[in-house]
Amino acid sequence: MTGPPNLREIIKLRRLRDSFFQPDLFADPAWDILLDLKAAALEGQQVSVSSLCIAAAVPPTTALRWITAMAQSGMLVRRQDPPDARRVFIELSAETSAKLDDYFAALTTRSTPMI
């Protein structure tokens, strides 16, 4: 399983919701982080910490706390950028990526919509 083909669309729909409701009402930075990292992995892209903070759709300090907590729990992996040691890339751990694959596979077997 490589994930749903419309993962970026799911992310767009989550941001569209912010146009109609207060964004902090539905703040779910951990899920936004996982979705962005899975989409990036499927696209063969690396994600910097600063980019992931934006994807989390919460204040940067909040996003950094979530990234740190998720990395400490083993869900995320930090990778130093060899050409620029100041930059750090974040990726899903193999276990987290597999769990997302399983989750999306379970969604596709259901007859109800994902969103």
Protein backbone atom coordinates (compact mmCIF):
# COMPACT_ATOMS: atom_id res chain seq x y z
CA MET A 1 0.00 0.00 0.00
CA THR A 2 1.41 3.39 -0.96
CA GLY A 3 -1.29 5.56 0.55
CA PRO A 4 -4.34 7.19 -0.93
CA PRO A 5 -3.82 8.88 -4.28
CA ASN A 6 -5.68 11.96 -3.02
CA LEU A 7 -3.61 12.65 0.11
CA ARG A 8 -2.77 16.22 -0.94
CA GLU A 9 -6.49 16.79 -1.59
CA ILE A 10 -7.27 15.67 1.97
CA ILE A 11 -4.74 18.20 3.24
CA LYS A 12 -6.30 20.95 1.09
CA LEU A 13 -9.76 20.12 2.40
CA ARG A 14 -8.49 20.35 5.99
CA ARG A 15 -7.15 23.87 5.25
CA LEU A 16 -10.39 24.83 3.44
CA ARG A 17 -12.26 24.10 6.65
CA ASP A 18 -10.24 26.93 8.25
CA SER A 19 -12.00 29.37 5.89
CA PHE A 20 -15.33 28.58 7.49
CA PHE A 21 -14.48 27.87 11.12
CA GLN A 22 -11.93 29.15 13.58
CA PRO A 23 -8.71 27.25 12.77
CA ASP A 24 -7.94 26.56 16.43
CA LEU A 25 -11.32 24.85 16.80
CA PHE A 26 -10.04 21.89 14.78
CA ALA A 27 -6.32 22.11 15.54
CA ASP A 28 -4.85 18.65 15.09
CA PRO A 29 -1.14 19.27 14.50
CA ALA A 30 -0.05 15.65 14.97
CA TRP A 31 -2.38 14.46 12.21
CA ASP A 32 -1.42 17.35 9.91
CA ILE A 33 2.25 16.49 10.47
CA LEU A 34 1.67 12.82 9.66
CA LEU A 35 -0.36 13.63 6.53
CA ASP A 36 2.25 16.07 5.23
CA LEU A 37 5.14 13.69 5.86
CA LYS A 38 3.32 10.76 4.22
CA ALA A 39 2.47 12.86 1.17
CA ALA A 40 6.07 14.07 0.93
CA ALA A 41 7.39 10.52 1.21
CA LEU A 42 5.07 9.37 -1.58
CA GLU A 43 6.33 12.28 -3.70
CA GLY A 44 9.99 11.54 -2.89
CA GLN A 45 10.40 14.89 -1.14
CA GLN A 46 12.28 15.77 2.02
CA VAL A 47 10.58 17.97 4.61
CA SER A 48 12.48 20.52 6.67
CA VAL A 49 11.46 21.41 10.20
CA SER A 50 10.39 24.88 9.09
CA SER A 51 8.21 23.48 6.32
CA LEU A 52 6.65 20.98 8.71
CA CYS A 53 5.84 23.77 11.15
CA ILE A 54 3.83 25.45 8.40
CA ALA A 55 2.09 22.18 7.51
CA ALA A 56 1.06 21.68 11.14
CA ALA A 57 -1.20 24.77 10.84
CA VAL A 58 -0.49 25.91 14.39
CA PRO A 59 1.95 28.46 15.84
CA PRO A 60 5.59 27.44 15.25
CA THR A 61 6.28 26.88 18.95
CA THR A 62 3.33 24.49 19.16
CA ALA A 63 4.44 22.67 16.01
CA LEU A 64 7.98 22.33 17.36
CA ARG A 65 6.67 20.83 20.59
CA TRP A 66 4.65 18.29 18.61
CA ILE A 67 7.57 17.44 16.32
CA THR A 68 9.85 16.95 19.33
CA ALA A 69 7.32 14.79 21.17
CA MET A 70 6.62 12.68 18.09
CA ALA A 71 10.34 12.22 17.41
CA GLN A 72 10.98 11.24 21.03
CA SER A 73 8.18 8.67 20.83
CA GLY A 74 9.74 7.14 17.71
CA MET A 75 7.04 8.23 15.28
CA LEU A 76 9.33 10.64 13.45
CA VAL A 77 13.01 10.56 12.54
CA ARG A 78 15.28 13.59 12.40
CA ARG A 79 17.96 13.64 9.67
CA GLN A 80 20.74 16.21 9.45
CA ASP A 81 21.19 17.81 6.02
CA PRO A 82 24.80 16.86 5.07
CA PRO A 83 25.49 19.96 2.93
CA ASP A 84 23.98 22.31 5.54
CA ALA A 85 24.35 21.04 9.11
CA ARG A 86 22.02 23.80 10.32
CA ARG A 87 19.08 22.24 8.51
CA VAL A 88 17.21 19.19 9.78
CA PHE A 89 14.81 17.08 7.78
CA ILE A 90 11.97 15.14 9.38
CA GLU A 91 10.57 11.88 8.08
CA LEU A 92 8.18 9.21 9.25
CA SER A 93 9.68 6.22 11.01
CA ALA A 94 9.21 2.97 9.10
CA GLU A 95 6.70 1.80 11.71
CA THR A 96 4.63 5.00 11.51
CA SER A 97 4.65 4.90 7.73
CA ALA A 98 3.43 1.29 7.79
CA LYS A 99 0.67 2.18 10.26
CA LEU A 100 -0.50 4.97 7.96
CA ASP A 101 -0.51 2.53 5.04
CA ASP A 102 -2.64 0.16 7.12
CA TYR A 103 -4.98 2.99 8.13
CA PHE A 104 -5.49 4.14 4.53
CA ALA A 105 -6.00 0.53 3.41
CA ALA A 106 -8.69 0.14 6.07
CA LEU A 107 -10.37 3.31 4.81
CA THR A 108 -10.52 2.02 1.26
CA THR A 109 -12.36 -1.11 2.41
CA ARG A 110 -15.11 0.97 4.03
CA SER A 111 -18.10 2.21 2.07
CA THR A 112 -18.28 5.51 3.96
CA PRO A 113 -16.35 8.60 2.81
CA MET A 114 -12.96 9.42 4.39
CA ILE A 115 -13.74 13.01 5.21
